[in-house]
C-alpha atoms as a PDB file:
ATOM      1  CA  MET A   1      12.118 -32.970  20.061  1.00  0.00           C
ATOM      2  CA  SER A   2       9.412 -31.143  21.549  1.00  0.00           C
ATOM      3  CA  GLU A   3       5.788 -32.366  21.313  1.00  0.00           C
ATOM      4  CA  THR A   4       5.398 -29.437  19.066  1.00  0.00           C
ATOM      5  CA  TYR A   5       7.278 -28.311  15.951  1.00  0.00           C
ATOM      6  CA  ARG A   6       7.003 -24.866  13.865  1.00  0.00           C
ATOM      7  CA  ALA A   7       5.926 -24.520  10.156  1.00  0.00           C
ATOM      8  CA  ILE A   8       4.865 -21.669   7.787  1.00  0.00           C
ATOM      9  CA  ARG A   9       1.425 -21.448   7.537  1.00  0.00           C
ATOM     10  CA  LEU A  10      -0.703 -19.427   4.962  1.00  0.00           C
ATOM     11  CA  ASN A  11      -3.696 -18.293   6.943  1.00  0.00           C
ATOM     12  CA  ARG A  12      -4.769 -15.204   4.636  1.00  0.00           C
ATOM     13  CA  PHE A  13      -4.183 -14.132   1.044  1.00  0.00           C
ATOM     14  CA  GLY A  14      -2.146 -11.159   0.459  1.00  0.00           C
ATOM     15  CA  SER A  15       0.257  -9.328  -1.664  1.00  0.00           C
ATOM     16  CA  SER A  16       3.201 -11.152  -0.227  1.00  0.00           C
ATOM     17  CA  PHE A  17       5.077 -13.920   1.323  1.00  0.00           C
ATOM     18  CA  ARG A  18       5.395 -11.937   4.389  1.00  0.00           C
ATOM     19  CA  ASP A  19       2.083 -10.518   4.482  1.00  0.00           C
ATOM     20  CA  ALA A  20       0.100 -13.938   4.057  1.00  0.00           C
ATOM     21  CA  ALA A  21       2.158 -16.686   5.949  1.00  0.00           C
ATOM     22  CA  GLU A  22       3.004 -16.691   9.481  1.00  0.00           C
ATOM     23  CA  ILE A  23       4.804 -18.902  12.201  1.00  0.00           C
ATOM     24  CA  VAL A  24       2.613 -21.547  14.106  1.00  0.00           C
ATOM     25  CA  ASP A  25       3.058 -24.400  16.241  1.00  0.00           C
ATOM     26  CA  VAL A  26       1.937 -27.732  15.511  1.00  0.00           C
ATOM     27  CA  PRO A  27       1.615 -30.939  17.314  1.00  0.00           C
ATOM     28  CA  LEU A  28       4.314 -33.548  16.673  1.00  0.00           C
ATOM     29  CA  ALA A  29       2.895 -36.533  14.812  1.00  0.00           C
ATOM     30  CA  ALA A  30       4.473 -40.015  15.330  1.00  0.00           C
ATOM     31  CA  PRO A  31       4.457 -42.103  12.210  1.00  0.00           C
ATOM     32  CA  GLY A  32       1.496 -44.237  10.997  1.00  0.00           C
ATOM     33  CA  SER A  33       1.791 -47.432   9.038  1.00  0.00           C
ATOM     34  CA  GLY A  34       3.708 -46.396   5.949  1.00  0.00           C
ATOM     35  CA  GLU A  35       5.264 -43.414   6.917  1.00  0.00           C
ATOM     36  CA  ILE A  36       8.250 -41.723   8.385  1.00  0.00           C
ATOM     37  CA  ARG A  37       8.999 -38.615  10.232  1.00  0.00           C
ATOM     38  CA  VAL A  38      11.750 -36.501   9.443  1.00  0.00           C
ATOM     39  CA  ARG A  39      13.454 -33.801  11.082  1.00  0.00           C
ATOM     40  CA  ASN A  40      14.413 -30.986   8.749  1.00  0.00           C
ATOM     41  CA  ARG A  41      17.458 -29.140   8.576  1.00  0.00           C
ATOM     42  CA  PHE A  42      17.533 -27.660   4.948  1.00  0.00           C
ATOM     43  CA  CYS A  43      14.932 -26.193   2.472  1.00  0.00           C
ATOM     44  CA  GLY A  44      14.701 -24.638  -0.663  1.00  0.00           C
ATOM     45  CA  ILE A  45      13.210 -21.436  -1.635  1.00  0.00           C
ATOM     46  CA  ASN A  46      11.252 -21.152  -4.335  1.00  0.00           C
ATOM     47  CA  ALA A  47      10.332 -17.185  -4.328  1.00  0.00           C
ATOM     48  CA  ILE A  48       7.879 -16.730  -7.278  1.00  0.00           C
ATOM     49  CA  PHE A  49       5.854 -19.832  -6.447  1.00  0.00           C
ATOM     50  CA  ASP A  50       5.508 -18.481  -2.589  1.00  0.00           C
ATOM     51  CA  THR A  51       4.374 -15.184  -3.827  1.00  0.00           C
ATOM     52  CA  GLN A  52       2.152 -16.438  -6.335  1.00  0.00           C
ATOM     53  CA  ILE A  53       0.846 -19.127  -3.478  1.00  0.00           C
ATOM     54  CA  ALA A  54       0.604 -16.161  -1.084  1.00  0.00           C
ATOM     55  CA  ARG A  55      -1.736 -14.353  -4.317  1.00  0.00           C
ATOM     56  CA  ASN A  56      -3.906 -17.083  -4.540  1.00  0.00           C
ATOM     57  CA  ALA A  57      -2.524 -17.039  -8.313  1.00  0.00           C
ATOM     58  CA  VAL A  58      -1.461 -20.564  -9.121  1.00  0.00           C
ATOM     59  CA  ASP A  59      -4.244 -21.946 -11.317  1.00  0.00           C
ATOM     60  CA  TYR A  60      -2.755 -25.511 -10.794  1.00  0.00           C
ATOM     61  CA  VAL A  61      -2.613 -25.470  -7.335  1.00  0.00           C
ATOM     62  CA  LYS A  62      -6.650 -25.036  -5.333  1.00  0.00           C
ATOM     63  CA  ILE A  63      -5.431 -23.217  -2.035  1.00  0.00           C
ATOM     64  CA  GLY A  64      -7.700 -23.669   0.982  1.00  0.00           C
ATOM     65  CA  LEU A  65      -6.914 -21.946   3.900  1.00  0.00           C
ATOM     66  CA  PRO A  66      -5.196 -22.584   6.094  1.00  0.00           C
ATOM     67  CA  THR A  67      -2.498 -24.404   4.426  1.00  0.00           C
ATOM     68  CA  PHE A  68       1.376 -25.168   5.013  1.00  0.00           C
ATOM     69  CA  THR A  69       4.138 -23.570   2.636  1.00  0.00           C
ATOM     70  CA  GLY A  70       7.334 -24.637   1.076  1.00  0.00           C
ATOM     71  CA  VAL A  71       7.989 -27.266  -1.506  1.00  0.00           C
ATOM     72  CA  GLU A  72      11.295 -28.949  -0.995  1.00  0.00           C
ATOM     73  CA  ALA A  73      13.169 -29.891   2.335  1.00  0.00           C
ATOM     74  CA  LEU A  74      16.253 -31.990   3.307  1.00  0.00           C
ATOM     75  CA  GLY A  75      15.961 -33.640   6.654  1.00  0.00           C
ATOM     76  CA  VAL A  76      16.848 -36.990   8.843  1.00  0.00           C
ATOM     77  CA  VAL A  77      14.660 -39.470   9.460  1.00  0.00           C
ATOM     78  CA  ASP A  78      13.714 -39.658  13.539  1.00  0.00           C
ATOM     79  CA  ALA A  79      10.903 -42.231  13.192  1.00  0.00           C
ATOM     80  CA  VAL A  80       9.746 -45.000  11.491  1.00  0.00           C
ATOM     81  CA  GLY A  81       6.120 -46.356  11.137  1.00  0.00           C
ATOM     82  CA  GLU A  82       5.489 -49.853  10.408  1.00  0.00           C
ATOM     83  CA  GLY A  83       6.026 -51.428   7.231  1.00  0.00           C
ATOM     84  CA  VAL A  84       8.621 -49.126   6.025  1.00  0.00           C
ATOM     85  CA  ALA A  85      11.688 -51.111   4.719  1.00  0.00           C
ATOM     86  CA  ASP A  86      13.180 -48.145   2.597  1.00  0.00           C
ATOM     87  CA  PHE A  87      14.499 -45.997   5.504  1.00  0.00           C
ATOM     88  CA  ALA A  88      15.791 -46.366   8.830  1.00  0.00           C
ATOM     89  CA  VAL A  89      16.454 -43.774  11.627  1.00  0.00           C
ATOM     90  CA  GLY A  90      19.565 -41.611  10.964  1.00  0.00           C
ATOM     91  CA  ASP A  91      19.038 -41.615   7.091  1.00  0.00           C
ATOM     92  CA  ALA A  92      18.993 -38.224   4.892  1.00  0.00           C
ATOM     93  CA  ALA A  93      15.861 -37.951   3.116  1.00  0.00           C
ATOM     94  CA  VAL A  94      14.476 -35.001   0.480  1.00  0.00           C
ATOM     95  CA  THR A  95      10.899 -34.255  -0.144  1.00  0.00           C
ATOM     96  CA  VAL A  96       9.865 -31.767  -2.990  1.00  0.00           C
ATOM     97  CA  ARG A  97       6.143 -32.378  -2.346  1.00  0.00           C
ATOM     98  CA  PHE A  98       4.021 -28.900  -1.490  1.00  0.00           C
ATOM     99  CA  THR A  99       3.471 -28.146   2.055  1.00  0.00           C
ATOM    100  CA  GLY A 100       6.762 -30.039   3.195  1.00  0.00           C
ATOM    101  CA  GLY A 101       8.930 -27.644   3.075  1.00  0.00           C
ATOM    102  CA  TYR A 102       8.817 -24.674   5.479  1.00  0.00           C
ATOM    103  CA  ARG A 103       8.622 -26.670   8.871  1.00  0.00           C
ATOM    104  CA  GLU A 104      11.102 -28.028  11.162  1.00  0.00           C
ATOM    105  CA  ALA A 105       9.470 -31.497  11.169  1.00  0.00           C
ATOM    106  CA  ASN A 106       7.582 -33.712   8.407  1.00  0.00           C
ATOM    107  CA  THR A 107       5.378 -36.689   9.197  1.00  0.00           C
ATOM    108  CA  ALA A 108       4.204 -38.120   5.898  1.00  0.00           C
ATOM    109  CA  PRO A 109       3.951 -41.349   3.780  1.00  0.00           C
ATOM    110  CA  ALA A 110       7.481 -42.652   3.164  1.00  0.00           C
ATOM    111  CA  ASP A 111       7.122 -42.323  -0.373  1.00  0.00           C
ATOM    112  CA  SER A 112       6.609 -38.572  -0.668  1.00  0.00           C
ATOM    113  CA  PHE A 113      10.368 -38.922   0.498  1.00  0.00           C
ATOM    114  CA  CYS A 114      13.714 -39.874  -1.376  1.00  0.00           C
ATOM    115  CA  LYS A 115      17.021 -41.008   0.303  1.00  0.00           C
ATOM    116  CA  VAL A 116      19.837 -39.028  -0.102  1.00  0.00           C
ATOM    117  CA  PRO A 117      23.580 -39.636   1.052  1.00  0.00           C
ATOM    118  CA  GLU A 118      24.009 -36.722   3.727  1.00  0.00           C
ATOM    119  CA  ALA A 119      21.823 -34.002   5.236  1.00  0.00           C
ATOM    120  CA  ARG A 120      23.852 -31.368   3.189  1.00  0.00           C
ATOM    121  CA  ALA A 121      22.138 -28.897   1.103  1.00  0.00           C
ATOM    122  CA  GLU A 122      24.015 -29.852  -1.800  1.00  0.00           C
ATOM    123  CA  TRP A 123      22.027 -32.941  -2.358  1.00  0.00           C
ATOM    124  CA  LEU A 124      18.592 -30.830  -1.508  1.00  0.00           C
ATOM    125  CA  ALA A 125      19.586 -29.037  -4.794  1.00  0.00           C
ATOM    126  CA  LEU A 126      20.590 -31.522  -7.128  1.00  0.00           C
ATOM    127  CA  ALA A 127      17.332 -33.514  -6.247  1.00  0.00           C
ATOM    128  CA  SER A 128      14.443 -30.436  -6.567  1.00  0.00           C
ATOM    129  CA  THR A 129      16.684 -28.000  -8.696  1.00  0.00           C
ATOM    130  CA  GLY A 130      19.130 -30.435 -10.398  1.00  0.00           C
ATOM    131  CA  VAL A 131      15.993 -32.883 -11.359  1.00  0.00           C
ATOM    132  CA  SER A 132      13.686 -29.362 -13.049  1.00  0.00           C
ATOM    133  CA  ALA A 133      17.219 -28.832 -15.083  1.00  0.00           C
ATOM    134  CA  LEU A 134      18.058 -31.971 -16.427  1.00  0.00           C
ATOM    135  CA  VAL A 135      14.043 -32.976 -16.993  1.00  0.00           C
ATOM    136  CA  ALA A 136      13.686 -29.520 -18.648  1.00  0.00           C
ATOM    137  CA  LEU A 137      16.887 -29.954 -21.169  1.00  0.00           C
ATOM    138  CA  GLU A 138      16.223 -33.435 -22.089  1.00  0.00           C
ATOM    139  CA  GLN A 139      12.615 -33.931 -22.134  1.00  0.00           C
ATOM    140  CA  ILE A 140      11.339 -30.662 -23.415  1.00  0.00           C
ATOM    141  CA  GLY A 141      14.537 -29.212 -24.911  1.00  0.00           C
ATOM    142  CA  GLU A 142      15.247 -32.496 -26.534  1.00  0.00           C
ATOM    143  CA  ILE A 143      18.903 -31.316 -26.070  1.00  0.00           C
ATOM    144  CA  LYS A 144      21.478 -32.676 -28.619  1.00  0.00           C
ATOM    145  CA  PRO A 145      25.136 -32.943 -28.599  1.00  0.00           C
ATOM    146  CA  GLY A 146      26.631 -29.936 -30.575  1.00  0.00           C
ATOM    147  CA  GLU A 147      23.765 -27.766 -30.227  1.00  0.00           C
ATOM    148  CA  THR A 148      24.067 -23.891 -28.902  1.00  0.00           C
ATOM    149  CA  VAL A 149      21.804 -23.643 -25.984  1.00  0.00           C
ATOM    150  CA  ALA A 150      20.601 -20.001 -24.490  1.00  0.00           C
ATOM    151  CA  ILE A 151      20.160 -19.875 -20.923  1.00  0.00           C
ATOM    152  CA  SER A 152      18.761 -16.934 -19.097  1.00  0.00           C
ATOM    153  CA  ALA A 153      19.013 -16.401 -15.233  1.00  0.00           C
ATOM    154  CA  ALA A 154      21.845 -18.730 -15.859  1.00  0.00           C
ATOM    155  CA  ALA A 155      23.312 -17.524 -12.802  1.00  0.00           C
ATOM    156  CA  GLY A 156      20.668 -18.410 -10.628  1.00  0.00           C
ATOM    157  CA  GLY A 157      19.778 -21.775  -8.749  1.00  0.00           C
ATOM    158  CA  LEU A 158      18.259 -23.235 -11.824  1.00  0.00           C
ATOM    159  CA  GLY A 159      20.345 -21.387 -14.427  1.00  0.00           C
ATOM    160  CA  HIS A 160      23.813 -22.659 -12.961  1.00  0.00           C
ATOM    161  CA  LEU A 161      23.049 -26.170 -13.374  1.00  0.00           C
ATOM    162  CA  LEU A 162      21.477 -25.900 -16.679  1.00  0.00           C
ATOM    163  CA  VAL A 163      25.080 -24.166 -17.843  1.00  0.00           C
ATOM    164  CA  GLN A 164      26.721 -26.907 -16.724  1.00  0.00           C
ATOM    165  CA  LEU A 165      24.240 -29.551 -18.024  1.00  0.00           C
ATOM    166  CA  ALA A 166      24.330 -28.463 -21.447  1.00  0.00           C
ATOM    167  CA  VAL A 167      28.210 -28.094 -21.446  1.00  0.00           C
ATOM    168  CA  LEU A 168      28.254 -31.754 -20.328  1.00  0.00           C
ATOM    169  CA  ARG A 169      26.333 -32.630 -23.382  1.00  0.00           C
ATOM    170  CA  GLY A 170      28.679 -31.119 -25.580  1.00  0.00           C
ATOM    171  CA  CYS A 171      26.708 -28.078 -26.272  1.00  0.00           C
ATOM    172  CA  HIS A 172      27.910 -24.459 -27.215  1.00  0.00           C
ATOM    173  CA  VAL A 173      26.593 -22.496 -24.201  1.00  0.00           C
ATOM    174  CA  ILE A 174      25.240 -19.127 -23.950  1.00  0.00           C
ATOM    175  CA  GLY A 175      24.594 -17.451 -20.413  1.00  0.00           C
ATOM    176  CA  ILE A 176      22.579 -14.647 -19.697  1.00  0.00           C
ATOM    177  CA  ALA A 177      22.978 -13.059 -16.847  1.00  0.00           C
ATOM    178  CA  GLY A 178      23.097  -9.361 -15.340  1.00  0.00           C
ATOM    179  CA  GLY A 179      26.436  -7.696 -14.074  1.00  0.00           C
ATOM    180  CA  ALA A 180      30.222  -8.371 -14.107  1.00  0.00           C
ATOM    181  CA  ARG A 181      30.540 -10.844 -10.797  1.00  0.00           C
ATOM    182  CA  LYS A 182      27.373 -12.706 -12.200  1.00  0.00           C
ATOM    183  CA  CYS A 183      28.734 -13.055 -15.783  1.00  0.00           C
ATOM    184  CA  ALA A 184      32.359 -14.073 -14.307  1.00  0.00           C
ATOM    185  CA  PHE A 185      30.320 -16.995 -12.362  1.00  0.00           C
ATOM    186  CA  VAL A 186      28.502 -18.094 -15.301  1.00  0.00           C
ATOM    187  CA  GLN A 187      31.840 -17.984 -17.352  1.00  0.00           C
ATOM    188  CA  SER A 188      33.297 -20.439 -14.688  1.00  0.00           C
ATOM    189  CA  LEU A 189      31.138 -23.031 -14.951  1.00  0.00           C
ATOM    190  CA  GLY A 190      32.205 -23.367 -18.686  1.00  0.00           C
ATOM    191  CA  ALA A 191      29.800 -21.324 -20.737  1.00  0.00           C
ATOM    192  CA  HIS A 192      31.338 -20.450 -24.036  1.00  0.00           C
ATOM    193  CA  ARG A 193      29.563 -16.857 -24.212  1.00  0.00           C
ATOM    194  CA  VAL A 194      27.870 -15.026 -21.388  1.00  0.00           C
ATOM    195  CA  ILE A 195      25.946 -12.052 -22.392  1.00  0.00           C
ATOM    196  CA  ASP A 196      25.700  -9.195 -19.395  1.00  0.00           C
ATOM    197  CA  TYR A 197      22.139  -7.884 -19.925  1.00  0.00           C
ATOM    198  CA  LYS A 198      22.410  -5.086 -18.150  1.00  0.00           C
ATOM    199  CA  SER A 199      25.482  -3.816 -20.441  1.00  0.00           C
ATOM    200  CA  GLU A 200      24.454  -5.565 -24.046  1.00  0.00           C
ATOM    201  CA  ASP A 201      21.401  -5.798 -26.152  1.00  0.00           C
ATOM    202  CA  VAL A 202      21.149  -9.544 -26.119  1.00  0.00           C
ATOM    203  CA  ALA A 203      19.018  -9.435 -29.414  1.00  0.00           C
ATOM    204  CA  ALA A 204      21.449  -8.004 -30.997  1.00  0.00           C
ATOM    205  CA  VAL A 205      24.330 -10.197 -29.628  1.00  0.00           C
ATOM    206  CA  LEU A 206      22.586 -13.230 -30.535  1.00  0.00           C
ATOM    207  CA  ALA A 207      21.710 -12.005 -34.283  1.00  0.00           C
ATOM    208  CA  ALA A 208      25.263 -10.860 -34.600  1.00  0.00           C
ATOM    209  CA  GLU A 209      27.369 -13.834 -33.360  1.00  0.00           C
ATOM    210  CA  TYR A 210      24.971 -16.539 -33.819  1.00  0.00           C
ATOM    211  CA  PRO A 211      23.418 -16.192 -37.589  1.00  0.00           C
ATOM    212  CA  LYS A 212      22.504 -19.594 -37.661  1.00  0.00           C
ATOM    213  CA  GLY A 213      20.423 -18.891 -34.134  1.00  0.00           C
ATOM    214  CA  ILE A 214      19.657 -20.936 -31.158  1.00  0.00           C
ATOM    215  CA  ASP A 215      18.763 -24.456 -31.081  1.00  0.00           C
ATOM    216  CA  VAL A 216      17.549 -24.685 -27.628  1.00  0.00           C
ATOM    217  CA  ALA A 217      16.665 -21.983 -25.176  1.00  0.00           C
ATOM    218  CA  VAL A 218      15.680 -22.194 -21.672  1.00  0.00           C
ATOM    219  CA  ASP A 219      13.915 -18.908 -20.623  1.00  0.00           C
ATOM    220  CA  THR A 220      12.456 -18.383 -16.636  1.00  0.00           C
ATOM    221  CA  VAL A 221      12.884 -14.759 -17.430  1.00  0.00           C
ATOM    222  CA  SER A 222      10.043 -13.510 -20.050  1.00  0.00           C
ATOM    223  CA  GLY A 223      10.159 -10.231 -21.098  1.00  0.00           C
ATOM    224  CA  ALA A 224      12.780  -8.814 -23.616  1.00  0.00           C
ATOM    225  CA  ILE A 225      14.885 -11.798 -23.052  1.00  0.00           C
ATOM    226  CA  TYR A 226      12.449 -14.523 -24.159  1.00  0.00           C
ATOM    227  CA  ASP A 227      11.567 -12.123 -27.456  1.00  0.00           C
ATOM    228  CA  ALA A 228      15.594 -11.848 -28.045  1.00  0.00           C
ATOM    229  CA  PHE A 229      15.192 -15.991 -27.730  1.00  0.00           C
ATOM    230  CA  LEU A 230      12.088 -16.090 -30.169  1.00  0.00           C
ATOM    231  CA  ALA A 231      13.808 -13.887 -32.411  1.00  0.00           C
ATOM    232  CA  ASN A 232      17.151 -15.819 -32.784  1.00  0.00           C
ATOM    233  CA  ILE A 233      15.500 -19.175 -32.663  1.00  0.00           C
ATOM    234  CA  ALA A 234      17.458 -21.973 -35.573  1.00  0.00           C
ATOM    235  CA  THR A 235      15.601 -23.801 -37.870  1.00  0.00           C
ATOM    236  CA  HIS A 236      13.903 -26.944 -35.551  1.00  0.00           C
ATOM    237  CA  GLY A 237      14.771 -24.624 -32.351  1.00  0.00           C
ATOM    238  CA  ARG A 238      12.838 -25.165 -29.360  1.00  0.00           C
ATOM    239  CA  LEU A 239      12.441 -22.105 -26.893  1.00  0.00           C
ATOM    240  CA  VAL A 240      11.891 -23.646 -23.398  1.00  0.00           C
ATOM    241  CA  VAL A 241       9.301 -21.845 -21.571  1.00  0.00           C
ATOM    242  CA  ALA A 242      10.232 -22.789 -17.566  1.00  0.00           C
ATOM    243  CA  GLY A 243       8.920 -19.367 -15.728  1.00  0.00           C
ATOM    244  CA  ALA A 244       8.279 -15.762 -16.121  1.00  0.00           C
ATOM    245  CA  ALA A 245      10.481 -13.731 -13.403  1.00  0.00           C
ATOM    246  CA  SER A 246       9.562 -10.355 -15.344  1.00  0.00           C
ATOM    247  CA  ASP A 247       5.870 -11.100 -14.965  1.00  0.00           C
ATOM    248  CA  LEU A 248       5.224 -11.545 -11.303  1.00  0.00           C
ATOM    249  CA  GLU A 249       2.645  -8.998 -11.261  1.00  0.00           C
ATOM    250  CA  GLY A 250       1.023 -10.443 -14.393  1.00  0.00           C
ATOM    251  CA  LYS A 251      -0.433  -7.193 -15.762  1.00  0.00           C
ATOM    252  CA  PRO A 252      -1.350  -6.572 -19.246  1.00  0.00           C
ATOM    253  CA  GLU A 253       1.438  -5.939 -21.590  1.00  0.00           C
ATOM    254  CA  MET A 254       1.036  -4.035 -24.733  1.00  0.00           C
ATOM    255  CA  VAL A 255       3.543  -6.038 -27.645  1.00  0.00           C
ATOM    256  CA  SER A 256       4.046  -4.617 -31.203  1.00  0.00           C
ATOM    257  CA  ALA A 257       5.051  -7.259 -32.798  1.00  0.00           C
ATOM    258  CA  PRO A 258       3.822  -9.976 -35.061  1.00  0.00           C
ATOM    259  CA  ARG A 259       2.415 -12.998 -33.627  1.00  0.00           C
ATOM    260  CA  ILE A 260       4.596 -15.833 -32.507  1.00  0.00           C
ATOM    261  CA  ALA A 261       3.322 -17.588 -35.466  1.00  0.00           C
ATOM    262  CA  HIS A 262       5.469 -15.636 -38.037  1.00  0.00           C
ATOM    263  CA  ALA A 263       8.704 -16.136 -35.986  1.00  0.00           C
ATOM    264  CA  ILE A 264       8.232 -19.998 -35.862  1.00  0.00           C
ATOM    265  CA  TYR A 265       5.888 -21.052 -38.927  1.00  0.00           C
ATOM    266  CA  TYR A 266       8.732 -20.705 -41.234  1.00  0.00           C
ATOM    267  CA  LYS A 267      11.691 -22.205 -39.219  1.00  0.00           C
ATOM    268  CA  CYS A 268       9.322 -25.274 -38.192  1.00  0.00           C
ATOM    269  CA  ALA A 269      10.617 -23.799 -34.484  1.00  0.00           C
ATOM    270  CA  SER A 270       8.479 -24.431 -31.280  1.00  0.00           C
ATOM    271  CA  VAL A 271       8.092 -23.033 -28.182  1.00  0.00           C
ATOM    272  CA  ARG A 272       7.370 -25.549 -25.236  1.00  0.00           C
ATOM    273  CA  GLY A 273       6.289 -25.053 -21.500  1.00  0.00           C
ATOM    274  CA  PHE A 274       7.957 -27.030 -19.082  1.00  0.00           C
ATOM    275  CA  MET A 275       6.114 -27.760 -15.692  1.00  0.00           C
ATOM    276  CA  ASN A 276       8.154 -30.214 -13.460  1.00  0.00           C
ATOM    277  CA  GLY A 277       5.299 -31.372 -11.542  1.00  0.00           C
ATOM    278  CA  LEU A 278       3.705 -32.729 -14.809  1.00  0.00           C
ATOM    279  CA  LEU A 279       6.661 -35.126 -15.356  1.00  0.00           C
ATOM    280  CA  THR A 280       7.035 -36.949 -12.424  1.00  0.00           C
ATOM    281  CA  ALA A 281       7.543 -40.180 -14.116  1.00  0.00           C
ATOM    282  CA  HIS A 282      11.092 -39.045 -15.388  1.00  0.00           C
ATOM    283  CA  TRP A 283      12.301 -37.628 -11.768  1.00  0.00           C
ATOM    284  CA  PRO A 284      13.722 -41.206 -10.204  1.00  0.00           C
ATOM    285  CA  GLU A 285      16.026 -41.557 -13.228  1.00  0.00           C
ATOM    286  CA  ALA A 286      17.326 -38.095 -13.967  1.00  0.00           C
ATOM    287  CA  ARG A 287      17.915 -37.847  -9.919  1.00  0.00           C
ATOM    288  CA  ALA A 288      20.047 -40.960 -10.136  1.00  0.00           C
ATOM    289  CA  ARG A 289      22.433 -39.658 -12.942  1.00  0.00           C
ATOM    290  CA  LEU A 290      22.384 -36.360 -11.151  1.00  0.00           C
ATOM    291  CA  PHE A 291      23.910 -38.046  -7.959  1.00  0.00           C
ATOM    292  CA  ASP A 292      26.010 -39.866  -9.825  1.00  0.00           C
ATOM    293  CA  MET A 293      27.589 -36.414 -11.991  1.00  0.00           C
ATOM    294  CA  TYR A 294      28.086 -34.920  -8.554  1.00  0.00           C
ATOM    295  CA  SER A 295      29.553 -38.078  -6.787  1.00  0.00           C
ATOM    296  CA  ALA A 296      32.097 -38.002  -9.475  1.00  0.00           C
ATOM    297  CA  GLY A 297      32.827 -34.070  -9.532  1.00  0.00           C
ATOM    298  CA  GLU A 298      31.205 -33.954 -12.813  1.00  0.00           C
ATOM    299  CA  LEU A 299      28.929 -31.153 -11.600  1.00  0.00           C
ATOM    300  CA  LYS A 300      29.317 -28.495  -9.183  1.00  0.00           C
ATOM    301  CA  VAL A 301      26.196 -27.228  -6.617  1.00  0.00           C
ATOM    302  CA  CYS A 302      26.530 -23.746  -5.759  1.00  0.00           C
ATOM    303  CA  LEU A 303      24.930 -21.963  -3.094  1.00  0.00           C
ATOM    304  CA  ASP A 304      23.678 -18.622  -2.617  1.00  0.00           C
ATOM    305  CA  GLU A 305      26.482 -16.963  -0.338  1.00  0.00           C
ATOM    306  CA  ASN A 306      23.742 -15.756   1.701  1.00  0.00           C
ATOM    307  CA  HIS A 307      22.993 -17.499   5.035  1.00  0.00           C
ATOM    308  CA  PHE A 308      19.330 -17.669   6.247  1.00  0.00           C
ATOM    309  CA  ALA A 309      18.597 -18.917   9.437  1.00  0.00           C
ATOM    310  CA  GLY A 310      15.512 -20.722  11.170  1.00  0.00           C
ATOM    311  CA  LEU A 311      11.911 -20.447   9.758  1.00  0.00           C
ATOM    312  CA  GLU A 312      12.535 -16.864  10.369  1.00  0.00           C
ATOM    313  CA  GLY A 313      15.001 -16.500   7.856  1.00  0.00           C
ATOM    314  CA  VAL A 314      12.569 -17.910   5.148  1.00  0.00           C
ATOM    315  CA  TYR A 315      10.842 -14.660   4.340  1.00  0.00           C
ATOM    316  CA  ASP A 316      14.323 -12.983   4.041  1.00  0.00           C
ATOM    317  CA  ALA A 317      15.288 -15.556   1.673  1.00  0.00           C
ATOM    318  CA  VAL A 318      12.203 -15.439  -0.576  1.00  0.00           C
ATOM    319  CA  GLU A 319      12.758 -11.486  -0.540  1.00  0.00           C
ATOM    320  CA  HIS A 320      16.431 -12.055  -1.448  1.00  0.00           C
ATOM    321  CA  LEU A 321      15.874 -14.250  -4.397  1.00  0.00           C
ATOM    322  CA  LEU A 322      12.426 -11.853  -5.575  1.00  0.00           C
ATOM    323  CA  SER A 323      15.225  -9.005  -5.530  1.00  0.00           C
ATOM    324  CA  GLY A 324      17.521 -10.523  -8.178  1.00  0.00           C
ATOM    325  CA  ALA A 325      20.648 -10.224  -6.172  1.00  0.00           C
ATOM    326  CA  SER A 326      21.002 -13.929  -5.457  1.00  0.00           C
ATOM    327  CA  MET A 327      23.942 -16.184  -7.140  1.00  0.00           C
ATOM    328  CA  GLY A 328      23.080 -20.011  -6.904  1.00  0.00           C
ATOM    329  CA  LYS A 329      20.590 -22.111  -5.318  1.00  0.00           C
ATOM    330  CA  VAL A 330      19.099 -19.939  -2.116  1.00  0.00           C
ATOM    331  CA  ILE A 331      18.544 -22.239   0.986  1.00  0.00           C
ATOM    332  CA  ALA A 332      17.355 -21.690   4.279  1.00  0.00           C
ATOM    333  CA  GLU A 333      19.029 -23.630   7.150  1.00  0.00           C
ATOM    334  CA  ILE A 334      15.695 -24.791   9.334  1.00  0.00           C
ATOM    335  CA  ALA A 335      18.169 -26.500  11.990  1.00  0.00           C
ATOM    336  CA  PRO A 336      21.560 -26.748  12.528  1.00  0.00           C
ATOM    337  CA  ALA A 337      23.083 -30.405  12.973  1.00  0.00           C
END
């Protein structure tokens, strides 16, 4: 490896990730005591977070410019510092720490990484998005076998794992997706009912086909999908808010409807926020179980079919995910094997 590597750095705030971030050369650092150096092969794309970071619109992350970008990456250890016992040169390692993602190399404390069996993108998806899915369902949704579970954006990187995990838990799973191709994909994952929001009225379908309501709903879309879930929540139901993709601009919206209290009070229902970064204590155990499920063939990891190469491809990958056209986990290949 050369004495420098490349990384995407946010040098200014802007309306989009492409406008605000640029590729720069960075000196390659040798690992110090307790550190390892990883040569990244893949990074996972978190387009909404990236866009909001570029706009300085993420309340819980204080941005000081310039800052590096990206959250999740998988690579191979190529140097180990003094005192590190858990990693050796050649090990595959994943990080899910902000600023560790969109770069060709990463020197950081060893406890910023977790070891994975192979340097394949599927393990990155499990260690990052898979953990989010399992923790959201169990810790916030408190999912139980036999419950009716509804999932928005069910064909996406998070959604396709949520569907499978809920099916494996013995739940009746309703997936929401847009278009025949995505709906067929969600059905292939084991969903019992797939609602095409482009041709069906989600709220009307839920009211007609599930008169007892939804026990657990996981929503990453907001807007009309959130409204449909809330209107059809069951007694003691839990609506988990894990994102708001349709509200990326964050503009005020006039909503002519009763306040949320009217929807949840008489049902003893709840609306719960899911923020994975506040649930780190659950990550190791969730990751271990996910790895076991994947190794046993119980869980599929589906990657978006589009190939995004190098750091230059990260910009295209962000825009692809924002377009709503993606299916499965969106990954950029930072460097070939």
